[in-house]
C-alpha atoms as a PDB file:
ATOM      1  CA  MET A   1      45.005   7.055 -21.139  1.00  0.00           C
ATOM      2  CA  ASP A   2      45.314  10.659 -19.921  1.00  0.00           C
ATOM      3  CA  ASN A   3      48.006  11.343 -22.514  1.00  0.00           C
ATOM      4  CA  VAL A   4      45.520  10.640 -25.292  1.00  0.00           C
ATOM      5  CA  PHE A   5      43.346  13.537 -24.149  1.00  0.00           C
ATOM      6  CA  ILE A   6      46.281  15.901 -23.700  1.00  0.00           C
ATOM      7  CA  GLU A   7      47.723  15.028 -27.104  1.00  0.00           C
ATOM      8  CA  ARG A   8      44.334  15.524 -28.734  1.00  0.00           C
ATOM      9  CA  LEU A   9      44.194  19.003 -27.178  1.00  0.00           C
ATOM     10  CA  TYR A  10      47.600  19.813 -28.697  1.00  0.00           C
ATOM     11  CA  LEU A  11      46.625  18.444 -32.096  1.00  0.00           C
ATOM     12  CA  SER A  12      43.578  20.686 -32.340  1.00  0.00           C
ATOM     13  CA  SER A  13      44.107  23.860 -34.270  1.00  0.00           C
ATOM     14  CA  TYR A  14      42.813  27.085 -32.826  1.00  0.00           C
ATOM     15  CA  ARG A  15      42.449  30.284 -34.790  1.00  0.00           C
ATOM     16  CA  ASN A  16      42.843  32.570 -31.783  1.00  0.00           C
ATOM     17  CA  LEU A  17      43.210  32.676 -28.006  1.00  0.00           C
ATOM     18  CA  ILE A  18      39.454  32.695 -27.447  1.00  0.00           C
ATOM     19  CA  GLU A  19      39.102  29.353 -29.260  1.00  0.00           C
ATOM     20  CA  LEU A  20      42.083  27.987 -27.359  1.00  0.00           C
ATOM     21  CA  GLN A  21      40.570  28.997 -24.012  1.00  0.00           C
ATOM     22  CA  ALA A  22      37.213  27.475 -24.974  1.00  0.00           C
ATOM     23  CA  GLY A  23      38.955  24.221 -25.934  1.00  0.00           C
ATOM     24  CA  ILE A  24      40.855  24.087 -22.655  1.00  0.00           C
ATOM     25  CA  ASP A  25      37.712  24.865 -20.660  1.00  0.00           C
ATOM     26  CA  GLU A  26      35.808  22.099 -22.439  1.00  0.00           C
ATOM     27  CA  TRP A  27      38.620  19.606 -21.859  1.00  0.00           C
ATOM     28  CA  MET A  28      38.901  20.480 -18.149  1.00  0.00           C
ATOM     29  CA  HIS A  29      35.141  20.222 -17.667  1.00  0.00           C
ATOM     30  CA  ASP A  30      35.091  16.792 -19.302  1.00  0.00           C
ATOM     31  CA  TYR A  31      38.138  15.650 -17.304  1.00  0.00           C
ATOM     32  CA  ASN A  32      36.663  16.747 -13.977  1.00  0.00           C
ATOM     33  CA  HIS A  33      32.946  16.056 -14.471  1.00  0.00           C
ATOM     34  CA  HIS A  34      32.624  13.105 -16.855  1.00  0.00           C
ATOM     35  CA  ARG A  35      35.697  10.901 -16.521  1.00  0.00           C
ATOM     36  CA  ILE A  36      36.266   8.488 -13.666  1.00  0.00           C
ATOM     37  CA  HIS A  37      39.759   8.378 -12.182  1.00  0.00           C
ATOM     38  CA  GLN A  38      41.393   5.228 -10.921  1.00  0.00           C
ATOM     39  CA  ALA A  39      43.411   7.189  -8.344  1.00  0.00           C
ATOM     40  CA  LEU A  40      40.142   8.532  -6.901  1.00  0.00           C
ATOM     41  CA  ASP A  41      38.638   5.066  -6.421  1.00  0.00           C
ATOM     42  CA  TYR A  42      36.858   5.283  -9.788  1.00  0.00           C
ATOM     43  CA  THR A  43      34.945   8.448  -8.991  1.00  0.00           C
ATOM     44  CA  LYS A  44      34.886  11.762 -10.806  1.00  0.00           C
ATOM     45  CA  PRO A  45      36.917  14.600  -9.248  1.00  0.00           C
ATOM     46  CA  TRP A  46      33.896  16.882  -8.875  1.00  0.00           C
ATOM     47  CA  GLN A  47      32.115  14.171  -6.881  1.00  0.00           C
ATOM     48  CA  LEU A  48      34.972  13.949  -4.427  1.00  0.00           C
ATOM     49  CA  TYR A  49      36.021  17.587  -4.150  1.00  0.00           C
ATOM     50  CA  ARG A  50      32.773  19.525  -4.607  1.00  0.00           C
ATOM     51  CA  PRO A  51      32.050  21.945  -1.724  1.00  0.00           C
ATOM     52  CA  ASN A  52      29.090  19.916  -0.398  1.00  0.00           C
ATOM     53  CA  SER A  53      31.052  16.661  -0.156  1.00  0.00           C
ATOM     54  CA  GLY A  54      31.818  17.160   3.519  1.00  0.00           C
ATOM     55  CA  LEU A  55      35.495  17.917   2.983  1.00  0.00           C
ATOM     56  CA  ALA A  56      34.996  21.601   3.816  1.00  0.00           C
ATOM     57  CA  GLU A  57      33.624  20.757   7.275  1.00  0.00           C
ATOM     58  CA  ALA A  58      36.498  18.349   7.946  1.00  0.00           C
ATOM     59  CA  ALA A  59      39.156  20.971   7.230  1.00  0.00           C
END
């Protein structure tokens, strides 16, 4: 499923580097904040790795 999102990013046409960066930023935000990940026990990465999750104190 992840390949679909990556391929869609490549298929988008960008007129300049600013548009490209905005597209990448939007994709990364969606990937980390809105999509659940099977490898992370069906949670979103930001939920697991955010600074207040308790991981910082454990390190």
